[in-house]
C-alpha cells in the first residue's frame, strides 16, 4: 500500500511542478544516459541552473547521476512515479465514477428547451 503522507511523494510532486524539470525528464525518457551538458544544451539557461534542477530531480528519486571521469551521466529512475501514479489513480477512479453518474443523470433528465 502506498503511504499518501510520504515526504518522498511530496518531493516527486514538487519536482514535477516545474516545466523545465518535466522537460529534462522527457529528454531522459527518450534518450537515457545523457550527460549533463547534453541535457542542458536545448535550454536557454546556465549550466549551474540546470544542475539545480537536476539536484531537485535526484532528491525526488526521479533521476540517478553517475560520474565517469569528468562526465556526469543522468538516467531516468521512474520507480518513485509508481507511488505518484497510485495516488493519481485513486482520484481518477473518483472522477470517473462521478462523471459516469453525471452522464447517467443527464441521460435520464434531458434538458427541456423552451420555445419563445
C-alpha atoms as a PDB file:
ATOM      1  CA  UNK A   1       0.000   0.000   0.000  1.00  0.00           C
ATOM      2  CA  UNK A   2       1.195   3.487  -0.825  1.00  0.00           C
ATOM      3  CA  UNK A   3       1.836   5.905   2.012  1.00  0.00           C
ATOM      4  CA  UNK A   4      -0.003   9.004   0.800  1.00  0.00           C
ATOM      5  CA  UNK A   5       1.535  11.113   3.592  1.00  0.00           C
ATOM      6  CA  UNK A   6       5.076  10.366   2.426  1.00  0.00           C
ATOM      7  CA  UNK A   7       7.696  13.131   2.170  1.00  0.00           C
ATOM      8  CA  UNK A   8       9.004  11.206  -0.861  1.00  0.00           C
ATOM      9  CA  UNK A   9       5.662  11.654  -2.607  1.00  0.00           C
ATOM     10  CA  UNK A  10       5.793  15.374  -1.757  1.00  0.00           C
ATOM     11  CA  UNK A  11       9.255  15.601  -3.351  1.00  0.00           C
ATOM     12  CA  UNK A  12       8.069  13.834  -6.513  1.00  0.00           C
ATOM     13  CA  UNK A  13       5.094  16.152  -6.990  1.00  0.00           C
ATOM     14  CA  UNK A  14       7.239  19.163  -6.053  1.00  0.00           C
ATOM     15  CA  UNK A  15       9.831  18.199  -8.649  1.00  0.00           C
ATOM     16  CA  UNK A  16       7.152  17.806 -11.314  1.00  0.00           C
ATOM     17  CA  UNK A  17       5.739  21.307 -10.774  1.00  0.00           C
ATOM     18  CA  UNK A  18       8.453  22.921 -12.860  1.00  0.00           C
ATOM     19  CA  UNK A  19       8.211  22.727 -16.674  1.00  0.00           C
ATOM     20  CA  UNK A  20      11.999  22.650 -17.081  1.00  0.00           C
ATOM     21  CA  UNK A  21      12.255  19.610 -14.825  1.00  0.00           C
ATOM     22  CA  UNK A  22       9.441  17.886 -16.717  1.00  0.00           C
ATOM     23  CA  UNK A  23      11.283  18.641 -19.970  1.00  0.00           C
ATOM     24  CA  UNK A  24      14.503  17.196 -18.542  1.00  0.00           C
ATOM     25  CA  UNK A  25      12.642  14.009 -17.588  1.00  0.00           C
ATOM     26  CA  UNK A  26      11.102  13.812 -21.057  1.00  0.00           C
ATOM     27  CA  UNK A  27      14.548  14.060 -22.641  1.00  0.00           C
ATOM     28  CA  UNK A  28      15.824  11.270 -20.419  1.00  0.00           C
ATOM     29  CA  UNK A  29      12.785   9.163 -21.280  1.00  0.00           C
ATOM     30  CA  UNK A  30      13.695   9.480 -24.949  1.00  0.00           C
ATOM     31  CA  UNK A  31      17.466   9.135 -24.566  1.00  0.00           C
ATOM     32  CA  UNK A  32      18.517   7.520 -21.312  1.00  0.00           C
ATOM     33  CA  UNK A  33      22.071   8.097 -20.154  1.00  0.00           C
ATOM     34  CA  UNK A  34      22.666  11.659 -21.337  1.00  0.00           C
ATOM     35  CA  UNK A  35      25.468  13.761 -19.923  1.00  0.00           C
ATOM     36  CA  UNK A  36      24.583  16.913 -18.020  1.00  0.00           C
ATOM     37  CA  UNK A  37      25.923  19.077 -20.850  1.00  0.00           C
ATOM     38  CA  UNK A  38      23.834  17.138 -23.405  1.00  0.00           C
ATOM     39  CA  UNK A  39      20.762  17.573 -21.220  1.00  0.00           C
ATOM     40  CA  UNK A  40      21.417  21.290 -20.794  1.00  0.00           C
ATOM     41  CA  UNK A  41      22.029  22.010 -24.482  1.00  0.00           C
ATOM     42  CA  UNK A  42      18.435  22.878 -25.586  1.00  0.00           C
ATOM     43  CA  UNK A  43      17.707  25.073 -22.558  1.00  0.00           C
ATOM     44  CA  UNK A  44      18.368  28.780 -22.502  1.00  0.00           C
ATOM     45  CA  UNK A  45      19.861  28.793 -19.021  1.00  0.00           C
ATOM     46  CA  UNK A  46      23.242  28.390 -17.432  1.00  0.00           C
ATOM     47  CA  UNK A  47      24.719  25.004 -16.644  1.00  0.00           C
ATOM     48  CA  UNK A  48      24.558  25.752 -12.872  1.00  0.00           C
ATOM     49  CA  UNK A  49      20.816  26.457 -13.233  1.00  0.00           C
ATOM     50  CA  UNK A  50      20.305  23.105 -14.989  1.00  0.00           C
ATOM     51  CA  UNK A  51      22.348  21.438 -12.238  1.00  0.00           C
ATOM     52  CA  UNK A  52      19.966  22.870  -9.627  1.00  0.00           C
ATOM     53  CA  UNK A  53      17.026  21.348 -11.482  1.00  0.00           C
ATOM     54  CA  UNK A  54      18.867  18.029 -11.625  1.00  0.00           C
ATOM     55  CA  UNK A  55      19.501  18.237  -7.864  1.00  0.00           C
ATOM     56  CA  UNK A  56      15.747  18.523  -7.281  1.00  0.00           C
ATOM     57  CA  UNK A  57      15.017  15.606  -9.618  1.00  0.00           C
ATOM     58  CA  UNK A  58      17.676  13.477  -7.947  1.00  0.00           C
ATOM     59  CA  UNK A  59      16.363  14.411  -4.491  1.00  0.00           C
ATOM     60  CA  UNK A  60      12.934  13.183  -5.573  1.00  0.00           C
ATOM     61  CA  UNK A  61      14.497   9.949  -6.790  1.00  0.00           C
ATOM     62  CA  UNK A  62      13.435  10.587 -10.380  1.00  0.00           C
ATOM     63  CA  UNK A  63      16.949  10.525 -11.818  1.00  0.00           C
ATOM     64  CA  UNK A  64      20.276   8.966 -10.926  1.00  0.00           C
ATOM     65  CA  UNK A  65      23.635  10.508 -11.760  1.00  0.00           C
ATOM     66  CA  UNK A  66      26.856   8.624 -12.356  1.00  0.00           C
ATOM     67  CA  UNK A  67      30.217  10.301 -12.692  1.00  0.00           C
ATOM     68  CA  UNK A  68      32.770   8.765 -15.011  1.00  0.00           C
ATOM     69  CA  UNK A  69      35.915  10.861 -15.148  1.00  0.00           C
ATOM     70  CA  UNK A  70      34.745  14.416 -15.776  1.00  0.00           C
ATOM     71  CA  UNK A  71      31.423  13.410 -17.318  1.00  0.00           C
ATOM     72  CA  UNK A  72      28.249  13.138 -15.259  1.00  0.00           C
ATOM     73  CA  UNK A  73      25.654  10.910 -16.870  1.00  0.00           C
ATOM     74  CA  UNK A  74      21.977  11.077 -15.927  1.00  0.00           C
ATOM     75  CA  UNK A  75      19.396   8.363 -16.277  1.00  0.00           C
ATOM     76  CA  UNK A  76      15.713   8.167 -15.501  1.00  0.00           C
ATOM     77  CA  UNK A  77      14.687   6.230 -12.405  1.00  0.00           C
ATOM     78  CA  UNK A  78      10.939   6.278 -12.665  1.00  0.00           C
ATOM     79  CA  UNK A  79      10.209   3.985  -9.683  1.00  0.00           C
ATOM     80  CA  UNK A  80       9.085   6.926  -7.470  1.00  0.00           C
ATOM     81  CA  UNK A  81       6.490   7.706 -10.115  1.00  0.00           C
ATOM     82  CA  UNK A  82       4.685   4.471  -9.195  1.00  0.00           C
ATOM     83  CA  UNK A  83       3.581   5.965  -5.866  1.00  0.00           C
ATOM     84  CA  UNK A  84       2.554   9.183  -7.601  1.00  0.00           C
ATOM     85  CA  UNK A  85       0.593   7.198 -10.193  1.00  0.00           C
ATOM     86  CA  UNK A  86      -1.126   5.237  -7.420  1.00  0.00           C
ATOM     87  CA  UNK A  87      -2.123   8.482  -5.744  1.00  0.00           C
ATOM     88  CA  UNK A  88      -3.439   9.891  -9.028  1.00  0.00           C
ATOM     89  CA  UNK A  89      -5.240   6.645  -9.894  1.00  0.00           C
ATOM     90  CA  UNK A  90      -7.112   6.835  -6.613  1.00  0.00           C
ATOM     91  CA  UNK A  91      -8.574  10.188  -7.636  1.00  0.00           C
ATOM     92  CA  UNK A  92      -9.025   9.202 -11.280  1.00  0.00           C
ATOM     93  CA  UNK A  93     -11.411   6.477 -10.117  1.00  0.00           C
ATOM     94  CA  UNK A  94     -13.329   9.065  -8.092  1.00  0.00           C
ATOM     95  CA  UNK A  95     -13.672  11.438 -11.052  1.00  0.00           C
ATOM     96  CA  UNK A  96     -14.551   8.626 -13.466  1.00  0.00           C
ATOM     97  CA  UNK A  97     -17.332   7.410 -11.179  1.00  0.00           C
ATOM     98  CA  UNK A  98     -18.577  10.977 -10.642  1.00  0.00           C
ATOM     99  CA  UNK A  99     -18.622  11.680 -14.375  1.00  0.00           C
ATOM    100  CA  UNK A 100     -20.418   8.405 -15.064  1.00  0.00           C
ATOM    101  CA  UNK A 101     -23.093   9.344 -12.516  1.00  0.00           C
ATOM    102  CA  UNK A 102     -23.413  12.800 -14.095  1.00  0.00           C
ATOM    103  CA  UNK A 103     -23.771  11.282 -17.580  1.00  0.00           C
ATOM    104  CA  UNK A 104     -26.461   8.900 -16.330  1.00  0.00           C
ATOM    105  CA  UNK A 105     -28.314  11.788 -14.685  1.00  0.00           C
ATOM    106  CA  UNK A 106     -28.194  13.887 -17.864  1.00  0.00           C
ATOM    107  CA  UNK A 107     -29.454  10.971 -19.950  1.00  0.00           C
ATOM    108  CA  UNK A 108     -32.340  10.405 -17.533  1.00  0.00           C
ATOM    109  CA  UNK A 109     -33.182  14.112 -17.263  1.00  0.00           C
ATOM    110  CA  UNK A 110     -32.794  15.731 -20.686  1.00  0.00           C
ATOM    111  CA  UNK A 111     -32.928  19.495 -20.845  1.00  0.00           C
ATOM    112  CA  UNK A 112     -36.276  20.847 -21.855  1.00  0.00           C
ATOM    113  CA  UNK A 113     -35.984  23.551 -24.453  1.00  0.00           C
ATOM    114  CA  UNK A 114     -38.346  26.428 -24.120  1.00  0.00           C
ATOM    115  CA  UNK A 115     -39.786  27.864 -27.304  1.00  0.00           C
ATOM    116  CA  UNK A 116     -40.063  31.655 -27.175  1.00  0.00           C
END
